[in-house]
Amino acid sequence: VSDRVCRSCASNVLAAVMPKGTRLALAVRSQAPVWVLFLDEANFKRFPQGITAVLTARVDTGLSFGVQVPESGNYYIMLDNRENAAPNRLEIQLRATPVAGTKMPADPKPQVQQF
């Protein structure tokens, strides 16, 4: 997924409805520093006020990391560019591996939204 995050805003990529225990591998490349947050649905709806992210990481030019889904549900990858005055171009690679014996929902196309 490639995205151009507008200046001084945040964009999000809807990862998917994921079963508990799903392992996500995420790689992000960025032209400028950006914050990456992995949020459950309740925290996504509260963003930016009073959130508790499953994972928060600052990406300067590139970062790869993994995270395990703590509970079944909708999860969002938030790309927070509010610190930058200029738009930021990002490349994102995401791989989800379900726990043995569980089934991933139909593979939706990631939805990129700006707000």
N, C-alpha and C. Protein backbone atom coordinates (compact mmCIF):
# COMPACT_ATOMS: atom_id res chain seq x y z
N VAL A 1 0.86 -1.16 0.00
CA VAL A 1 0.00 0.00 0.00
C VAL A 1 0.90 1.22 0.00
N SER A 2 0.68 2.14 -0.89
CA SER A 2 1.37 3.42 -0.87
C SER A 2 0.36 4.48 -0.49
N ASP A 3 0.80 5.44 0.27
CA ASP A 3 -0.10 6.49 0.74
C ASP A 3 0.69 7.78 0.82
N ARG A 4 0.02 8.86 0.56
CA ARG A 4 0.62 10.16 0.77
C ARG A 4 -0.17 10.79 1.90
N VAL A 5 0.47 10.93 3.05
CA VAL A 5 -0.20 11.47 4.22
C VAL A 5 -0.12 12.99 4.14
N CYS A 6 -1.28 13.64 4.23
CA CYS A 6 -1.32 15.09 4.11
C CYS A 6 -0.55 15.74 5.26
N ARG A 7 -0.20 16.99 5.07
CA ARG A 7 0.56 17.69 6.11
C ARG A 7 -0.33 17.94 7.31
N SER A 8 0.26 17.84 8.46
CA SER A 8 -0.41 18.13 9.73
C SER A 8 -1.71 17.38 9.92
N CYS A 9 -1.78 16.13 9.46
CA CYS A 9 -2.98 15.33 9.67
C CYS A 9 -2.58 13.88 9.92
N ALA A 10 -3.56 13.06 10.11
CA ALA A 10 -3.32 11.63 10.29
C ALA A 10 -4.13 10.89 9.24
N SER A 11 -3.60 9.79 8.77
CA SER A 11 -4.32 8.90 7.86
C SER A 11 -4.39 7.55 8.53
N ASN A 12 -5.33 6.74 8.13
CA ASN A 12 -5.39 5.41 8.69
C ASN A 12 -5.59 4.39 7.59
N VAL A 13 -5.08 3.21 7.82
CA VAL A 13 -5.29 2.09 6.92
C VAL A 13 -6.03 1.05 7.73
N LEU A 14 -7.22 0.69 7.30
CA LEU A 14 -7.97 -0.36 7.98
C LEU A 14 -7.27 -1.68 7.69
N ALA A 15 -6.74 -2.32 8.73
CA ALA A 15 -6.02 -3.57 8.52
C ALA A 15 -7.01 -4.69 8.23
N ALA A 16 -7.94 -4.95 9.16
CA ALA A 16 -8.93 -6.01 8.94
C ALA A 16 -9.60 -6.36 10.25
N VAL A 17 -10.63 -7.19 10.12
CA VAL A 17 -11.19 -7.87 11.29
C VAL A 17 -10.26 -9.06 11.50
N MET A 18 -9.66 -9.14 12.69
CA MET A 18 -8.66 -10.18 12.93
C MET A 18 -8.98 -11.00 14.16
N PRO A 19 -8.77 -12.31 14.06
CA PRO A 19 -8.97 -13.18 15.22
C PRO A 19 -7.85 -12.98 16.26
N LYS A 20 -8.18 -13.27 17.51
CA LYS A 20 -7.20 -13.20 18.59
C LYS A 20 -5.99 -14.06 18.26
N GLY A 21 -4.80 -13.53 18.54
CA GLY A 21 -3.57 -14.28 18.32
C GLY A 21 -2.95 -14.10 16.95
N THR A 22 -3.65 -13.45 16.02
CA THR A 22 -3.09 -13.22 14.69
C THR A 22 -1.79 -12.43 14.82
N ARG A 23 -0.78 -12.84 14.10
CA ARG A 23 0.51 -12.13 14.12
C ARG A 23 0.60 -11.25 12.88
N LEU A 24 0.93 -9.99 13.12
CA LEU A 24 1.10 -9.04 12.02
C LEU A 24 2.57 -8.67 11.88
N ALA A 25 3.04 -8.67 10.66
CA ALA A 25 4.37 -8.17 10.34
C ALA A 25 4.14 -6.91 9.51
N LEU A 26 4.75 -5.82 9.92
CA LEU A 26 4.53 -4.53 9.27
C LEU A 26 5.87 -3.89 8.96
N ALA A 27 6.01 -3.41 7.74
CA ALA A 27 7.20 -2.65 7.33
C ALA A 27 6.73 -1.31 6.79
N VAL A 28 7.35 -0.24 7.25
CA VAL A 28 6.97 1.11 6.83
C VAL A 28 8.23 1.84 6.36
N ARG A 29 8.14 2.45 5.19
CA ARG A 29 9.19 3.35 4.71
C ARG A 29 8.57 4.72 4.56
N SER A 30 9.32 5.75 4.96
CA SER A 30 8.77 7.09 5.01
C SER A 30 9.79 8.11 4.53
N GLN A 31 9.31 9.17 3.87
CA GLN A 31 10.21 10.26 3.46
C GLN A 31 10.61 11.13 4.64
N ALA A 32 9.75 11.24 5.62
CA ALA A 32 9.99 12.08 6.80
C ALA A 32 9.43 11.34 8.01
N PRO A 33 9.84 11.74 9.21
CA PRO A 33 9.34 11.06 10.41
C PRO A 33 7.81 11.04 10.48
N VAL A 34 7.28 9.92 10.95
CA VAL A 34 5.84 9.74 11.12
C VAL A 34 5.63 8.77 12.28
N TRP A 35 4.53 8.92 12.99
CA TRP A 35 4.16 7.99 14.05
C TRP A 35 3.24 6.94 13.49
N VAL A 36 3.45 5.68 13.86
CA VAL A 36 2.60 4.57 13.48
C VAL A 36 1.96 4.02 14.75
N LEU A 37 0.64 3.93 14.76
CA LEU A 37 -0.09 3.39 15.90
C LEU A 37 -0.94 2.22 15.43
N PHE A 38 -0.99 1.17 16.22
CA PHE A 38 -1.86 0.03 15.95
C PHE A 38 -2.95 0.08 17.01
N LEU A 39 -4.19 0.32 16.56
CA LEU A 39 -5.29 0.58 17.48
C LEU A 39 -6.43 -0.41 17.31
N ASP A 40 -7.07 -0.75 18.44
CA ASP A 40 -8.33 -1.49 18.34
C ASP A 40 -9.42 -0.48 18.01
N GLU A 41 -10.63 -0.97 17.75
CA GLU A 41 -11.69 -0.09 17.28
C GLU A 41 -12.08 0.99 18.30
N ALA A 42 -12.17 0.63 19.58
CA ALA A 42 -12.57 1.60 20.60
C ALA A 42 -11.57 2.75 20.67
N ASN A 43 -10.28 2.45 20.63
CA ASN A 43 -9.27 3.51 20.69
C ASN A 43 -9.20 4.31 19.39
N PHE A 44 -9.45 3.65 18.26
CA PHE A 44 -9.49 4.36 16.99
C PHE A 44 -10.58 5.43 17.00
N LYS A 45 -11.74 5.08 17.56
CA LYS A 45 -12.85 6.03 17.60
C LYS A 45 -12.56 7.21 18.53
N ARG A 46 -11.70 7.01 19.53
CA ARG A 46 -11.36 8.09 20.46
C ARG A 46 -10.18 8.94 19.99
N PHE A 47 -9.46 8.50 18.96
CA PHE A 47 -8.26 9.21 18.51
C PHE A 47 -8.58 10.66 18.21
N PRO A 48 -7.77 11.61 18.65
CA PRO A 48 -6.50 11.47 19.36
C PRO A 48 -6.64 11.58 20.88
N GLN A 49 -7.84 11.68 21.39
CA GLN A 49 -8.05 11.91 22.82
C GLN A 49 -8.03 10.61 23.62
N GLY A 50 -7.15 10.50 24.60
CA GLY A 50 -7.17 9.41 25.56
C GLY A 50 -7.07 8.01 25.00
N ILE A 51 -6.13 7.77 24.09
CA ILE A 51 -6.02 6.45 23.50
C ILE A 51 -4.97 5.61 24.21
N THR A 52 -5.15 4.31 24.13
CA THR A 52 -4.14 3.35 24.56
C THR A 52 -3.90 2.44 23.37
N ALA A 53 -2.80 2.67 22.67
CA ALA A 53 -2.50 1.90 21.47
C ALA A 53 -1.94 0.53 21.83
N VAL A 54 -2.24 -0.46 20.99
CA VAL A 54 -1.63 -1.77 21.15
C VAL A 54 -0.13 -1.63 20.91
N LEU A 55 0.24 -0.77 19.95
CA LEU A 55 1.64 -0.51 19.63
C LEU A 55 1.78 0.91 19.11
N THR A 56 2.84 1.59 19.51
CA THR A 56 3.17 2.92 19.00
C THR A 56 4.65 2.92 18.62
N ALA A 57 4.97 3.43 17.43
CA ALA A 57 6.36 3.48 16.99
C ALA A 57 6.58 4.72 16.14
N ARG A 58 7.74 5.33 16.29
CA ARG A 58 8.12 6.46 15.44
C ARG A 58 9.00 5.93 14.32
N VAL A 59 8.63 6.27 13.09
CA VAL A 59 9.39 5.86 11.91
C VAL A 59 10.11 7.08 11.38
N ASP A 60 11.45 7.03 11.35
CA ASP A 60 12.20 8.15 10.78
C ASP A 60 12.31 7.98 9.27
N THR A 61 12.88 6.87 8.79
CA THR A 61 12.91 6.59 7.36
C THR A 61 12.40 5.19 7.05
N GLY A 62 12.54 4.28 8.00
CA GLY A 62 12.07 2.92 7.79
C GLY A 62 12.05 2.14 9.09
N LEU A 63 11.10 1.23 9.20
CA LEU A 63 10.99 0.41 10.40
C LEU A 63 10.18 -0.83 10.07
N SER A 64 10.62 -1.97 10.61
CA SER A 64 9.87 -3.22 10.50
C SER A 64 9.61 -3.72 11.91
N PHE A 65 8.40 -4.21 12.15
CA PHE A 65 8.09 -4.73 13.48
C PHE A 65 6.93 -5.71 13.37
N GLY A 66 6.70 -6.42 14.45
CA GLY A 66 5.59 -7.37 14.52
C GLY A 66 4.77 -7.11 15.77
N VAL A 67 3.53 -7.51 15.72
CA VAL A 67 2.62 -7.36 16.85
C VAL A 67 1.60 -8.49 16.79
N GLN A 68 1.14 -8.92 17.95
CA GLN A 68 0.13 -9.97 18.03
C GLN A 68 -1.20 -9.36 18.46
N VAL A 69 -2.27 -9.74 17.78
CA VAL A 69 -3.61 -9.22 18.07
C VAL A 69 -4.06 -9.77 19.42
N PRO A 70 -4.35 -8.87 20.41
CA PRO A 70 -4.70 -9.34 21.74
C PRO A 70 -6.12 -9.91 21.87
N GLU A 71 -7.07 -9.40 21.10
CA GLU A 71 -8.46 -9.86 21.13
C GLU A 71 -9.03 -9.79 19.72
N SER A 72 -9.97 -10.64 19.40
CA SER A 72 -10.62 -10.59 18.08
C SER A 72 -11.33 -9.26 17.90
N GLY A 73 -11.29 -8.71 16.68
CA GLY A 73 -12.00 -7.46 16.40
C GLY A 73 -11.39 -6.69 15.25
N ASN A 74 -11.88 -5.47 15.07
CA ASN A 74 -11.37 -4.57 14.04
C ASN A 74 -10.13 -3.86 14.56
N TYR A 75 -9.09 -3.80 13.73
CA TYR A 75 -7.85 -3.13 14.09
C TYR A 75 -7.45 -2.17 12.99
N TYR A 76 -6.81 -1.08 13.39
CA TYR A 76 -6.45 0.00 12.48
C TYR A 76 -4.98 0.34 12.64
N ILE A 77 -4.35 0.63 11.51
CA ILE A 77 -2.99 1.16 11.53
C ILE A 77 -3.12 2.64 11.26
N MET A 78 -2.75 3.45 12.22
CA MET A 78 -2.84 4.90 12.12
C MET A 78 -1.48 5.46 11.75
N LEU A 79 -1.43 6.26 10.72
CA LEU A 79 -0.21 6.93 10.29
C LEU A 79 -0.37 8.40 10.65
N ASP A 80 0.30 8.82 11.69
CA ASP A 80 0.10 10.14 12.26
C ASP A 80 1.21 11.09 11.80
N ASN A 81 0.83 12.02 10.93
CA ASN A 81 1.78 12.97 10.34
C ASN A 81 1.55 14.38 10.86
N ARG A 82 0.89 14.52 11.99
CA ARG A 82 0.53 15.84 12.49
C ARG A 82 1.72 16.70 12.87
N GLU A 83 2.89 16.11 13.11
CA GLU A 83 4.09 16.89 13.45
C GLU A 83 4.72 17.57 12.24
N ASN A 84 4.39 17.13 11.04
CA ASN A 84 5.06 17.63 9.84
C ASN A 84 4.23 18.70 9.14
N ALA A 85 4.91 19.70 8.64
CA ALA A 85 4.24 20.77 7.91
C ALA A 85 4.03 20.40 6.44
N ALA A 86 4.75 19.38 5.97
CA ALA A 86 4.67 18.98 4.56
C ALA A 86 4.06 17.59 4.44
N PRO A 87 3.44 17.30 3.29
CA PRO A 87 2.95 15.94 3.07
C PRO A 87 4.09 14.93 3.15
N ASN A 88 3.77 13.69 3.44
CA ASN A 88 4.76 12.64 3.64
C ASN A 88 4.36 11.43 2.81
N ARG A 89 5.27 10.91 2.00
CA ARG A 89 4.98 9.72 1.20
C ARG A 89 5.45 8.49 1.97
N LEU A 90 4.55 7.49 2.04
CA LEU A 90 4.82 6.27 2.79
C LEU A 90 4.59 5.04 1.94
N GLU A 91 5.34 3.99 2.22
CA GLU A 91 5.09 2.67 1.65
C GLU A 91 4.90 1.72 2.82
N ILE A 92 3.87 0.89 2.75
CA ILE A 92 3.53 0.00 3.85
C ILE A 92 3.38 -1.41 3.31
N GLN A 93 4.00 -2.36 3.99
CA GLN A 93 3.79 -3.77 3.70
C GLN A 93 3.24 -4.42 4.96
N LEU A 94 2.19 -5.18 4.82
CA LEU A 94 1.52 -5.79 5.95
C LEU A 94 1.25 -7.26 5.64
N ARG A 95 1.61 -8.12 6.59
CA ARG A 95 1.32 -9.54 6.45
C ARG A 95 0.66 -10.02 7.74
N ALA A 96 -0.48 -10.68 7.61
CA ALA A 96 -1.20 -11.23 8.77
C ALA A 96 -1.15 -12.75 8.71
N THR A 97 -0.74 -13.36 9.82
CA THR A 97 -0.68 -14.81 9.93
C THR A 97 -1.56 -15.24 11.09
N PRO A 98 -2.67 -15.94 10.79
CA PRO A 98 -3.56 -16.36 11.88
C PRO A 98 -2.96 -17.50 12.68
N VAL A 99 -3.44 -17.66 13.90
CA VAL A 99 -3.05 -18.78 14.75
C VAL A 99 -3.57 -20.06 14.09
N ALA A 100 -2.80 -21.14 14.19
CA ALA A 100 -3.22 -22.42 13.61
C ALA A 100 -4.63 -22.77 14.10
N GLY A 101 -5.46 -23.17 13.17
CA GLY A 101 -6.82 -23.58 13.50
C GLY A 101 -7.84 -22.45 13.43
N THR A 102 -7.38 -21.21 13.23
CA THR A 102 -8.32 -20.10 13.06
C THR A 102 -8.33 -19.69 11.60
N LYS A 103 -9.38 -19.03 11.23
CA LYS A 103 -9.56 -18.63 9.83
C LYS A 103 -9.65 -17.11 9.76
N MET A 104 -8.91 -16.54 8.83
CA MET A 104 -8.98 -15.10 8.60
C MET A 104 -10.24 -14.80 7.81
N PRO A 105 -10.88 -13.65 8.10
CA PRO A 105 -12.01 -13.23 7.28
C PRO A 105 -11.56 -12.97 5.85
N ALA A 106 -12.51 -12.80 4.95
CA ALA A 106 -12.18 -12.48 3.56
C ALA A 106 -11.19 -11.33 3.53
N ASP A 107 -10.23 -11.40 2.64
CA ASP A 107 -9.15 -10.42 2.58
C ASP A 107 -9.63 -9.12 1.95
N PRO A 108 -9.99 -8.11 2.78
CA PRO A 108 -10.44 -6.85 2.21
C PRO A 108 -9.27 -6.04 1.68
N LYS A 109 -9.54 -5.22 0.71
CA LYS A 109 -8.53 -4.29 0.23
C LYS A 109 -8.34 -3.23 1.32
N PRO A 110 -7.09 -2.89 1.66
CA PRO A 110 -6.90 -1.85 2.68
C PRO A 110 -7.58 -0.55 2.25
N GLN A 111 -8.23 0.10 3.18
CA GLN A 111 -8.89 1.36 2.91
C GLN A 111 -8.06 2.49 3.51
N VAL A 112 -7.66 3.43 2.69
CA VAL A 112 -6.88 4.56 3.16
C VAL A 112 -7.82 5.75 3.28
N GLN A 113 -7.87 6.33 4.46
CA GLN A 113 -8.73 7.47 4.71
C GLN A 113 -7.90 8.58 5.32
N GLN A 114 -8.30 9.81 5.08
CA GLN A 114 -7.63 10.95 5.72
C GLN A 114 -8.63 11.68 6.57
N PHE A 115 -8.17 12.13 7.73
CA PHE A 115 -9.00 12.95 8.58
C PHE A 115 -8.15 13.86 9.42
